[in-house]
């Protein structure tokens, strides 16, 4: 999604749980996990796909057709394509990114880990990521899966979001804080 945090509501959480249970019942959890990640990345990269899914201009049939075509092109499993079709037919296609995020969160809980969303001013090296993961694991007391994003507006540093906690060590925030402090002086 375009620089916005997905807030998971009740419906996306229910759909995510249903997807998790379907994947477990069909013994295809690893495949669905990979499919969910692929589909989520596809949504993040394509504004047109986001528009198709959320716009009331397109009919349900057009949405099902378009989303299943994208799923086929991405080589997603039959189960994931059926799930996408069901979600779309239930008029929830626009919530697919939130459903996929909720699914990843549920999966992380089942694995005993958490998801940390890291936004940095520049692409992090593998050493930096490994160090961040290790430090987060120490401070949280459990393994951490990392999602990264680059936002050059931060100027330097990074922001880490784990659940409802936000750790902001970006240069932009520090400069903003300094501006406020100077205005008060």
N, C-alpha and C. Protein backbone atom coordinates (compact mmCIF):
# COMPACT_ATOMS: atom_id res chain seq x y z
N UNK A 1 0.85 -1.16 0.00
CA UNK A 1 0.00 0.00 0.00
C UNK A 1 0.91 1.24 0.00
N UNK A 2 0.38 2.30 -0.46
CA UNK A 2 1.19 3.49 -0.65
C UNK A 2 1.40 4.27 0.65
N UNK A 3 2.53 3.99 1.32
CA UNK A 3 2.96 4.68 2.53
C UNK A 3 1.92 4.76 3.65
N UNK A 4 0.94 3.88 3.66
CA UNK A 4 -0.03 3.89 4.75
C UNK A 4 0.04 2.57 5.49
N UNK A 5 -0.18 2.64 6.76
CA UNK A 5 -0.20 1.45 7.60
C UNK A 5 -1.57 0.79 7.49
N UNK A 6 -1.59 -0.50 7.28
CA UNK A 6 -2.86 -1.21 7.18
C UNK A 6 -3.35 -1.51 8.59
N UNK A 7 -4.55 -1.06 8.88
CA UNK A 7 -5.16 -1.33 10.18
C UNK A 7 -6.14 -2.49 9.96
N UNK A 8 -5.93 -3.55 10.68
CA UNK A 8 -6.75 -4.73 10.49
C UNK A 8 -7.99 -4.66 11.35
N UNK A 9 -9.13 -4.72 10.68
CA UNK A 9 -10.41 -4.70 11.37
C UNK A 9 -10.91 -6.11 11.62
N UNK A 10 -12.16 -6.21 11.99
CA UNK A 10 -12.74 -7.50 12.33
C UNK A 10 -12.86 -8.43 11.12
N UNK A 11 -13.38 -7.92 10.01
CA UNK A 11 -13.56 -8.77 8.82
C UNK A 11 -12.23 -9.30 8.28
N UNK A 12 -11.20 -8.45 8.08
CA UNK A 12 -9.93 -9.00 7.61
C UNK A 12 -9.36 -10.06 8.56
N UNK A 13 -9.53 -9.86 9.86
CA UNK A 13 -9.04 -10.85 10.83
C UNK A 13 -9.77 -12.18 10.68
N UNK A 14 -11.08 -12.11 10.47
CA UNK A 14 -11.87 -13.35 10.29
C UNK A 14 -11.45 -14.08 9.02
N UNK A 15 -11.28 -13.34 7.93
CA UNK A 15 -10.85 -13.96 6.67
C UNK A 15 -9.45 -14.55 6.80
N UNK A 16 -8.56 -13.83 7.49
CA UNK A 16 -7.20 -14.31 7.70
C UNK A 16 -7.20 -15.62 8.49
N UNK A 17 -8.03 -15.68 9.52
CA UNK A 17 -8.14 -16.90 10.33
C UNK A 17 -8.70 -18.05 9.49
N UNK A 18 -9.69 -17.75 8.65
CA UNK A 18 -10.26 -18.78 7.77
C UNK A 18 -9.20 -19.30 6.80
N UNK A 19 -8.39 -18.40 6.25
CA UNK A 19 -7.32 -18.81 5.33
C UNK A 19 -6.30 -19.68 6.05
N UNK A 20 -5.94 -19.29 7.27
CA UNK A 20 -4.99 -20.07 8.06
C UNK A 20 -5.54 -21.48 8.33
N UNK A 21 -6.80 -21.56 8.71
CA UNK A 21 -7.41 -22.86 8.99
C UNK A 21 -7.52 -23.71 7.73
N UNK A 22 -7.87 -23.10 6.60
CA UNK A 22 -7.93 -23.84 5.33
C UNK A 22 -6.56 -24.39 4.96
N UNK A 23 -5.55 -23.55 5.12
CA UNK A 23 -4.19 -23.97 4.79
C UNK A 23 -3.73 -25.12 5.68
N UNK A 24 -4.07 -25.06 6.96
CA UNK A 24 -3.69 -26.15 7.87
C UNK A 24 -4.45 -27.43 7.54
N UNK A 25 -5.76 -27.31 7.29
CA UNK A 25 -6.57 -28.49 6.96
C UNK A 25 -6.08 -29.18 5.69
N UNK A 26 -5.69 -28.39 4.70
CA UNK A 26 -5.25 -28.96 3.43
C UNK A 26 -3.75 -29.27 3.43
N UNK A 27 -3.11 -29.08 4.59
CA UNK A 27 -1.68 -29.34 4.75
C UNK A 27 -0.84 -28.59 3.70
N UNK A 28 -1.23 -27.34 3.46
CA UNK A 28 -0.50 -26.53 2.47
C UNK A 28 -0.11 -25.17 3.06
N UNK A 29 0.22 -25.17 4.34
CA UNK A 29 0.53 -23.93 5.04
C UNK A 29 1.73 -23.21 4.43
N UNK A 30 2.79 -23.95 4.13
CA UNK A 30 3.99 -23.33 3.54
C UNK A 30 3.67 -22.69 2.19
N UNK A 31 2.88 -23.38 1.37
CA UNK A 31 2.50 -22.85 0.06
C UNK A 31 1.67 -21.58 0.21
N UNK A 32 0.69 -21.60 1.10
CA UNK A 32 -0.18 -20.45 1.30
C UNK A 32 0.62 -19.29 1.91
N UNK A 33 1.56 -19.60 2.77
CA UNK A 33 2.42 -18.55 3.34
C UNK A 33 3.19 -17.85 2.22
N UNK A 34 3.75 -18.63 1.31
CA UNK A 34 4.50 -18.07 0.17
C UNK A 34 3.56 -17.29 -0.75
N UNK A 35 2.38 -17.85 -1.02
CA UNK A 35 1.38 -17.18 -1.86
C UNK A 35 0.96 -15.84 -1.27
N UNK A 36 0.72 -15.82 0.04
CA UNK A 36 0.28 -14.59 0.71
C UNK A 36 1.36 -13.51 0.59
N UNK A 37 2.60 -13.90 0.79
CA UNK A 37 3.70 -12.94 0.68
C UNK A 37 3.80 -12.40 -0.74
N UNK A 38 3.70 -13.28 -1.73
CA UNK A 38 3.77 -12.87 -3.14
C UNK A 38 2.64 -11.92 -3.48
N UNK A 39 1.42 -12.27 -3.08
CA UNK A 39 0.26 -11.44 -3.38
C UNK A 39 0.35 -10.09 -2.69
N UNK A 40 0.80 -10.08 -1.45
CA UNK A 40 0.93 -8.83 -0.71
C UNK A 40 1.95 -7.92 -1.39
N UNK A 41 3.08 -8.47 -1.82
CA UNK A 41 4.10 -7.69 -2.52
C UNK A 41 3.56 -7.15 -3.84
N UNK A 42 2.75 -7.97 -4.52
CA UNK A 42 2.15 -7.55 -5.80
C UNK A 42 1.23 -6.36 -5.57
N UNK A 43 0.42 -6.43 -4.52
CA UNK A 43 -0.46 -5.31 -4.19
C UNK A 43 0.34 -4.05 -3.86
N UNK A 44 1.43 -4.20 -3.10
CA UNK A 44 2.23 -3.05 -2.71
C UNK A 44 2.87 -2.37 -3.90
N UNK A 45 3.21 -3.14 -4.93
CA UNK A 45 3.90 -2.60 -6.10
C UNK A 45 2.94 -2.04 -7.16
N UNK A 46 1.67 -2.43 -7.13
CA UNK A 46 0.76 -2.07 -8.21
C UNK A 46 -0.42 -1.22 -7.75
N UNK A 47 -0.37 0.05 -8.09
CA UNK A 47 -1.47 0.96 -7.77
C UNK A 47 -2.71 0.54 -8.57
N UNK A 48 -2.50 0.07 -9.80
CA UNK A 48 -3.63 -0.38 -10.63
C UNK A 48 -4.36 -1.56 -9.99
N UNK A 49 -3.61 -2.49 -9.42
CA UNK A 49 -4.23 -3.63 -8.75
C UNK A 49 -5.01 -3.16 -7.52
N UNK A 50 -4.46 -2.23 -6.78
CA UNK A 50 -5.16 -1.67 -5.61
C UNK A 50 -6.46 -1.01 -6.04
N UNK A 51 -6.40 -0.28 -7.16
CA UNK A 51 -7.60 0.39 -7.68
C UNK A 51 -8.65 -0.63 -8.11
N UNK A 52 -8.21 -1.66 -8.83
CA UNK A 52 -9.14 -2.70 -9.28
C UNK A 52 -9.86 -3.31 -8.10
N UNK A 53 -9.11 -3.66 -7.07
CA UNK A 53 -9.68 -4.34 -5.91
C UNK A 53 -10.64 -3.45 -5.12
N UNK A 54 -10.33 -2.16 -5.02
CA UNK A 54 -11.12 -1.31 -4.13
C UNK A 54 -12.15 -0.43 -4.82
N UNK A 55 -12.07 -0.27 -6.13
CA UNK A 55 -12.97 0.65 -6.82
C UNK A 55 -14.37 0.06 -7.04
N UNK A 56 -15.40 0.85 -6.71
CA UNK A 56 -16.77 0.39 -6.95
C UNK A 56 -17.15 0.44 -8.44
N UNK A 57 -16.29 1.03 -9.26
CA UNK A 57 -16.56 1.15 -10.70
C UNK A 57 -16.53 -0.23 -11.37
N UNK A 58 -15.67 -1.11 -10.87
CA UNK A 58 -15.55 -2.44 -11.47
C UNK A 58 -16.57 -3.39 -10.85
N UNK A 59 -17.16 -4.23 -11.70
CA UNK A 59 -18.13 -5.22 -11.21
C UNK A 59 -17.40 -6.34 -10.48
N UNK A 60 -18.16 -7.11 -9.73
CA UNK A 60 -17.59 -8.25 -9.01
C UNK A 60 -16.92 -9.20 -10.01
N UNK A 61 -17.60 -9.45 -11.15
CA UNK A 61 -17.06 -10.36 -12.16
C UNK A 61 -15.74 -9.84 -12.72
N UNK A 62 -15.65 -8.52 -12.96
CA UNK A 62 -14.41 -7.94 -13.46
C UNK A 62 -13.29 -8.08 -12.43
N UNK A 63 -13.64 -7.87 -11.17
CA UNK A 63 -12.64 -8.00 -10.10
C UNK A 63 -12.15 -9.43 -9.98
N UNK A 64 -13.09 -10.39 -9.98
CA UNK A 64 -12.72 -11.80 -9.88
C UNK A 64 -11.81 -12.16 -11.06
N UNK A 65 -12.21 -11.76 -12.25
CA UNK A 65 -11.44 -12.06 -13.46
C UNK A 65 -10.03 -11.45 -13.37
N UNK A 66 -9.95 -10.18 -13.02
CA UNK A 66 -8.66 -9.50 -12.94
C UNK A 66 -7.76 -10.07 -11.86
N UNK A 67 -8.33 -10.28 -10.67
CA UNK A 67 -7.52 -10.79 -9.55
C UNK A 67 -7.07 -12.23 -9.78
N UNK A 68 -7.92 -13.06 -10.36
CA UNK A 68 -7.49 -14.45 -10.63
C UNK A 68 -6.45 -14.48 -11.75
N UNK A 69 -6.55 -13.55 -12.71
CA UNK A 69 -5.53 -13.47 -13.76
C UNK A 69 -4.17 -13.12 -13.15
N UNK A 70 -4.17 -12.18 -12.21
CA UNK A 70 -2.94 -11.80 -11.52
C UNK A 70 -2.41 -12.99 -10.72
N UNK A 71 -3.32 -13.71 -10.05
CA UNK A 71 -2.92 -14.88 -9.25
C UNK A 71 -2.31 -15.97 -10.12
N UNK A 72 -2.90 -16.20 -11.29
CA UNK A 72 -2.35 -17.21 -12.22
C UNK A 72 -0.97 -16.80 -12.70
N UNK A 73 -0.84 -15.52 -13.07
CA UNK A 73 0.44 -15.01 -13.56
C UNK A 73 1.53 -15.13 -12.48
N UNK A 74 1.13 -14.98 -11.23
CA UNK A 74 2.08 -15.09 -10.11
C UNK A 74 2.27 -16.54 -9.65
N UNK A 75 1.64 -17.48 -10.35
CA UNK A 75 1.74 -18.92 -10.02
C UNK A 75 1.27 -19.23 -8.61
N UNK A 76 0.19 -18.59 -8.18
CA UNK A 76 -0.35 -18.88 -6.85
C UNK A 76 -1.12 -20.19 -6.89
N UNK A 77 -1.23 -20.83 -5.75
CA UNK A 77 -1.88 -22.14 -5.65
C UNK A 77 -3.38 -22.03 -5.93
N UNK A 78 -3.98 -23.16 -6.23
CA UNK A 78 -5.42 -23.23 -6.49
C UNK A 78 -6.20 -22.78 -5.26
N UNK A 79 -5.75 -23.17 -4.09
CA UNK A 79 -6.43 -22.78 -2.85
C UNK A 79 -6.42 -21.26 -2.69
N UNK A 80 -5.29 -20.62 -2.96
CA UNK A 80 -5.22 -19.17 -2.84
C UNK A 80 -6.11 -18.50 -3.89
N UNK A 81 -6.16 -19.05 -5.10
CA UNK A 81 -7.02 -18.46 -6.13
C UNK A 81 -8.49 -18.58 -5.74
N UNK A 82 -8.86 -19.71 -5.15
CA UNK A 82 -10.24 -19.88 -4.68
C UNK A 82 -10.55 -18.90 -3.55
N UNK A 83 -9.59 -18.73 -2.67
CA UNK A 83 -9.76 -17.79 -1.56
C UNK A 83 -9.96 -16.37 -2.09
N UNK A 84 -9.13 -15.96 -3.04
CA UNK A 84 -9.24 -14.63 -3.64
C UNK A 84 -10.62 -14.47 -4.27
N UNK A 85 -11.09 -15.50 -4.99
CA UNK A 85 -12.41 -15.47 -5.61
C UNK A 85 -13.52 -15.30 -4.57
N UNK A 86 -13.43 -16.05 -3.48
CA UNK A 86 -14.44 -15.97 -2.42
C UNK A 86 -14.45 -14.59 -1.77
N UNK A 87 -13.27 -14.09 -1.44
CA UNK A 87 -13.17 -12.76 -0.83
C UNK A 87 -13.76 -11.71 -1.76
N UNK A 88 -13.46 -11.81 -3.03
CA UNK A 88 -13.94 -10.84 -4.02
C UNK A 88 -15.45 -10.93 -4.18
N UNK A 89 -15.97 -12.15 -4.28
CA UNK A 89 -17.42 -12.33 -4.42
C UNK A 89 -18.16 -11.82 -3.19
N UNK A 90 -17.52 -11.84 -2.04
CA UNK A 90 -18.13 -11.32 -0.81
C UNK A 90 -17.90 -9.81 -0.65
N UNK A 91 -17.50 -9.17 -1.74
CA UNK A 91 -17.28 -7.71 -1.79
C UNK A 91 -16.21 -7.22 -0.80
N UNK A 92 -15.16 -8.01 -0.64
CA UNK A 92 -14.08 -7.64 0.28
C UNK A 92 -12.72 -7.56 -0.44
N UNK A 93 -12.72 -7.46 -1.76
CA UNK A 93 -11.46 -7.45 -2.52
C UNK A 93 -10.55 -6.30 -2.08
N UNK A 94 -11.13 -5.15 -1.77
CA UNK A 94 -10.33 -4.01 -1.33
C UNK A 94 -9.63 -4.25 0.00
N UNK A 95 -10.09 -5.26 0.73
CA UNK A 95 -9.48 -5.57 2.02
C UNK A 95 -8.43 -6.68 1.93
N UNK A 96 -8.14 -7.15 0.72
CA UNK A 96 -7.15 -8.22 0.57
C UNK A 96 -5.79 -7.88 1.20
N UNK A 97 -5.24 -6.67 0.98
CA UNK A 97 -3.96 -6.38 1.65
C UNK A 97 -4.05 -6.49 3.17
N UNK A 98 -5.15 -6.02 3.76
CA UNK A 98 -5.33 -6.11 5.22
C UNK A 98 -5.48 -7.57 5.65
N UNK A 99 -6.18 -8.36 4.84
CA UNK A 99 -6.36 -9.79 5.14
C UNK A 99 -5.01 -10.48 5.12
N UNK A 100 -4.18 -10.17 4.11
CA UNK A 100 -2.87 -10.80 3.99
C UNK A 100 -1.96 -10.39 5.16
N UNK A 101 -2.03 -9.13 5.57
CA UNK A 101 -1.24 -8.68 6.73
C UNK A 101 -1.69 -9.40 8.00
N UNK A 102 -3.00 -9.51 8.16
CA UNK A 102 -3.54 -10.21 9.34
C UNK A 102 -3.13 -11.68 9.31
N UNK A 103 -3.13 -12.29 8.13
CA UNK A 103 -2.71 -13.69 7.98
C UNK A 103 -1.25 -13.85 8.42
N UNK A 104 -0.38 -12.93 7.96
CA UNK A 104 1.03 -13.00 8.34
C UNK A 104 1.19 -12.85 9.85
N UNK A 105 0.39 -11.97 10.45
CA UNK A 105 0.44 -11.79 11.90
C UNK A 105 0.02 -13.04 12.65
N UNK A 106 -1.07 -13.67 12.19
CA UNK A 106 -1.54 -14.91 12.82
C UNK A 106 -0.49 -16.02 12.68
N UNK A 107 0.11 -16.09 11.51
CA UNK A 107 1.12 -17.11 11.25
C UNK A 107 2.34 -16.89 12.16
N UNK A 108 2.74 -15.63 12.32
CA UNK A 108 3.88 -15.32 13.20
C UNK A 108 3.56 -15.73 14.64
N UNK A 109 2.32 -15.46 15.07
CA UNK A 109 1.91 -15.86 16.43
C UNK A 109 2.00 -17.36 16.59
N UNK A 110 1.52 -18.10 15.58
CA UNK A 110 1.56 -19.56 15.66
C UNK A 110 2.99 -20.07 15.74
N UNK A 111 3.90 -19.36 15.09
CA UNK A 111 5.31 -19.76 15.10
C UNK A 111 6.02 -19.27 16.35
N UNK A 112 5.33 -18.46 17.16
CA UNK A 112 5.95 -17.93 18.37
C UNK A 112 6.85 -16.74 18.10
N UNK A 113 6.64 -16.06 16.98
CA UNK A 113 7.46 -14.89 16.67
C UNK A 113 6.55 -13.68 16.46
N UNK A 114 7.17 -12.56 16.14
CA UNK A 114 6.43 -11.34 15.86
C UNK A 114 6.95 -10.76 14.55
N UNK A 115 6.15 -9.86 13.96
CA UNK A 115 6.57 -9.19 12.73
C UNK A 115 6.99 -7.77 13.09
N UNK A 116 8.18 -7.41 12.65
CA UNK A 116 8.68 -6.05 12.82
C UNK A 116 8.73 -5.39 11.45
N UNK A 117 8.11 -4.22 11.35
CA UNK A 117 8.11 -3.47 10.09
C UNK A 117 9.15 -2.37 10.22
N UNK A 118 10.18 -2.46 9.40
CA UNK A 118 11.29 -1.52 9.48
C UNK A 118 11.27 -0.62 8.24
N UNK A 119 11.22 0.68 8.49
CA UNK A 119 11.29 1.66 7.41
C UNK A 119 12.60 2.40 7.59
N UNK A 120 13.43 2.40 6.54
CA UNK A 120 14.73 3.05 6.64
C UNK A 120 14.91 4.05 5.50
N UNK A 121 15.85 4.96 5.69
CA UNK A 121 16.12 5.98 4.68
C UNK A 121 16.81 5.37 3.46
N UNK A 122 17.58 4.32 3.70
CA UNK A 122 18.28 3.60 2.62
C UNK A 122 18.07 2.12 2.81
N UNK A 123 18.31 1.36 1.74
CA UNK A 123 18.19 -0.10 1.82
C UNK A 123 19.21 -0.61 2.84
N UNK A 124 18.75 -1.45 3.75
CA UNK A 124 19.62 -2.00 4.79
C UNK A 124 20.42 -3.18 4.24
N UNK A 125 21.67 -3.28 4.68
CA UNK A 125 22.51 -4.42 4.27
C UNK A 125 22.07 -5.66 5.05
N UNK A 126 22.51 -6.81 4.60
CA UNK A 126 22.14 -8.05 5.30
C UNK A 126 22.73 -8.08 6.71
N UNK A 127 23.91 -7.48 6.90
CA UNK A 127 24.50 -7.41 8.24
C UNK A 127 23.67 -6.51 9.16
N UNK A 128 23.22 -5.37 8.63
CA UNK A 128 22.40 -4.47 9.42
C UNK A 128 21.08 -5.14 9.81
N UNK A 129 20.48 -5.84 8.85
CA UNK A 129 19.21 -6.55 9.14
C UNK A 129 19.41 -7.62 10.20
N UNK A 130 20.49 -8.38 10.07
CA UNK A 130 20.78 -9.45 11.03
C UNK A 130 20.98 -8.85 12.43
N UNK A 131 21.69 -7.74 12.51
CA UNK A 131 21.93 -7.07 13.79
C UNK A 131 20.61 -6.56 14.39
N UNK A 132 19.78 -5.94 13.55
CA UNK A 132 18.48 -5.46 14.03
C UNK A 132 17.62 -6.61 14.52
N UNK A 133 17.58 -7.71 13.76
CA UNK A 133 16.79 -8.88 14.17
C UNK A 133 17.25 -9.41 15.51
N UNK A 134 18.57 -9.49 15.68
CA UNK A 134 19.13 -10.02 16.92
C UNK A 134 18.79 -9.10 18.10
N UNK A 135 18.93 -7.79 17.90
CA UNK A 135 18.60 -6.84 18.97
C UNK A 135 17.11 -6.86 19.31
N UNK A 136 16.27 -6.96 18.30
CA UNK A 136 14.83 -7.04 18.54
C UNK A 136 14.46 -8.33 19.27
N UNK A 137 15.13 -9.42 18.89
CA UNK A 137 14.87 -10.70 19.56
C UNK A 137 15.23 -10.61 21.04
N UNK A 138 16.37 -9.96 21.34
CA UNK A 138 16.79 -9.80 22.74
C UNK A 138 15.81 -8.94 23.52
N UNK A 139 15.38 -7.83 22.92
CA UNK A 139 14.50 -6.92 23.67
C UNK A 139 13.07 -7.43 23.77
N UNK A 140 12.61 -8.19 22.77
CA UNK A 140 11.23 -8.70 22.80
C UNK A 140 11.12 -10.08 23.44
N UNK A 141 12.25 -10.79 23.48
CA UNK A 141 12.25 -12.11 24.08
C UNK A 141 11.64 -13.19 23.19
N UNK A 142 11.54 -12.92 21.91
CA UNK A 142 11.03 -13.91 20.96
C UNK A 142 11.56 -13.61 19.57
N UNK A 143 11.57 -14.62 18.69
CA UNK A 143 12.07 -14.40 17.33
C UNK A 143 11.24 -13.34 16.60
N UNK A 144 11.87 -12.66 15.65
CA UNK A 144 11.21 -11.59 14.91
C UNK A 144 11.38 -11.82 13.42
N UNK A 145 10.27 -11.69 12.69
CA UNK A 145 10.31 -11.70 11.23
C UNK A 145 10.26 -10.25 10.80
N UNK A 146 11.04 -9.90 9.78
CA UNK A 146 11.20 -8.50 9.42
C UNK A 146 10.62 -8.21 8.04
N UNK A 147 9.87 -7.10 7.95
CA UNK A 147 9.42 -6.54 6.67
C UNK A 147 10.13 -5.21 6.53
N UNK A 148 10.76 -4.97 5.39
CA UNK A 148 11.49 -3.71 5.22
C UNK A 148 10.87 -2.86 4.12
N UNK A 149 11.09 -1.57 4.27
CA UNK A 149 10.61 -0.59 3.30
C UNK A 149 11.58 0.58 3.33
N UNK A 150 11.80 1.21 2.19
CA UNK A 150 12.68 2.36 2.11
C UNK A 150 11.84 3.63 1.92
N UNK A 151 12.14 4.65 2.73
CA UNK A 151 11.48 5.94 2.62
C UNK A 151 12.56 7.03 2.71
N UNK A 152 13.01 7.55 1.56
CA UNK A 152 14.09 8.54 1.55
C UNK A 152 13.76 9.81 2.35
N UNK A 153 12.48 10.09 2.60
CA UNK A 153 12.08 11.27 3.37
C UNK A 153 12.60 11.22 4.81
N UNK A 154 12.98 10.05 5.29
CA UNK A 154 13.49 9.93 6.66
C UNK A 154 14.87 10.57 6.81
N UNK A 155 15.57 10.80 5.70
CA UNK A 155 16.90 11.40 5.64
C UNK A 155 17.99 10.48 6.18
N UNK A 156 17.77 9.80 7.28
CA UNK A 156 18.74 8.90 7.88
C UNK A 156 18.07 8.13 9.00
N UNK A 157 18.70 7.06 9.45
CA UNK A 157 18.13 6.26 10.53
C UNK A 157 17.01 5.37 10.06
N UNK A 158 16.15 4.95 11.00
CA UNK A 158 15.06 4.04 10.66
C UNK A 158 13.94 4.12 11.69
N UNK A 159 12.81 3.54 11.31
CA UNK A 159 11.65 3.43 12.20
C UNK A 159 11.30 1.95 12.27
N UNK A 160 11.07 1.45 13.48
CA UNK A 160 10.68 0.06 13.67
C UNK A 160 9.31 0.03 14.33
N UNK A 161 8.39 -0.71 13.74
CA UNK A 161 7.06 -0.89 14.33
C UNK A 161 6.88 -2.38 14.61
N UNK A 162 6.63 -2.70 15.88
CA UNK A 162 6.35 -4.07 16.30
C UNK A 162 5.02 -4.02 17.04
N UNK A 163 3.99 -4.57 16.39
CA UNK A 163 2.66 -4.49 16.98
C UNK A 163 2.25 -3.04 17.11
N UNK A 164 1.90 -2.62 18.32
CA UNK A 164 1.48 -1.24 18.53
C UNK A 164 2.64 -0.35 18.99
N UNK A 165 3.84 -0.92 19.14
CA UNK A 165 4.99 -0.16 19.60
C UNK A 165 5.74 0.43 18.40
N UNK A 166 6.18 1.67 18.55
CA UNK A 166 6.91 2.35 17.49
C UNK A 166 8.22 2.88 18.05
N UNK A 167 9.32 2.52 17.41
CA UNK A 167 10.65 3.00 17.79
C UNK A 167 11.15 3.84 16.63
N UNK A 168 11.29 5.16 16.85
CA UNK A 168 11.64 6.07 15.77
C UNK A 168 13.01 6.68 16.03
N UNK A 169 13.99 6.29 15.25
CA UNK A 169 15.32 6.88 15.37
C UNK A 169 15.71 7.54 14.06
N UNK A 170 14.69 8.05 13.34
CA UNK A 170 14.97 8.68 12.05
C UNK A 170 15.49 10.09 12.25
N UNK A 171 16.32 10.51 11.34
CA UNK A 171 16.88 11.86 11.38
C UNK A 171 15.78 12.90 11.21
N UNK A 172 14.80 12.61 10.39
CA UNK A 172 13.68 13.53 10.16
C UNK A 172 12.97 13.85 11.48
N UNK A 173 12.66 12.82 12.27
CA UNK A 173 11.97 13.03 13.55
C UNK A 173 12.85 13.82 14.51
N UNK A 174 14.13 13.50 14.53
CA UNK A 174 15.04 14.23 15.43
C UNK A 174 15.12 15.71 15.04
N UNK A 175 15.16 15.99 13.73
CA UNK A 175 15.18 17.38 13.28
C UNK A 175 13.86 18.09 13.61
N UNK A 176 12.74 17.39 13.42
CA UNK A 176 11.43 17.97 13.78
C UNK A 176 11.36 18.29 15.27
N UNK A 177 11.88 17.38 16.10
CA UNK A 177 11.89 17.61 17.55
C UNK A 177 12.77 18.82 17.90
N UNK A 178 13.89 18.96 17.19
CA UNK A 178 14.79 20.08 17.42
C UNK A 178 14.11 21.40 17.04
N UNK A 179 13.37 21.41 15.93
CA UNK A 179 12.63 22.61 15.50
C UNK A 179 11.64 23.04 16.58
N UNK A 180 10.92 22.09 17.12
CA UNK A 180 9.93 22.38 18.18
C UNK A 180 10.64 22.93 19.41
N UNK A 181 11.76 22.33 19.78
CA UNK A 181 12.50 22.77 20.96
C UNK A 181 13.03 24.20 20.75
N UNK A 182 13.48 24.50 19.55
CA UNK A 182 14.01 25.84 19.28
C UNK A 182 12.90 26.89 19.28
N UNK A 183 11.71 26.53 18.83
CA UNK A 183 10.58 27.46 18.83
C UNK A 183 10.16 27.80 20.26
N UNK A 184 10.27 26.82 21.16
CA UNK A 184 9.86 27.02 22.55
C UNK A 184 10.86 27.85 23.32
N UNK A 185 12.10 27.86 22.86
CA UNK A 185 13.16 28.58 23.60
C UNK A 185 13.09 30.07 23.42
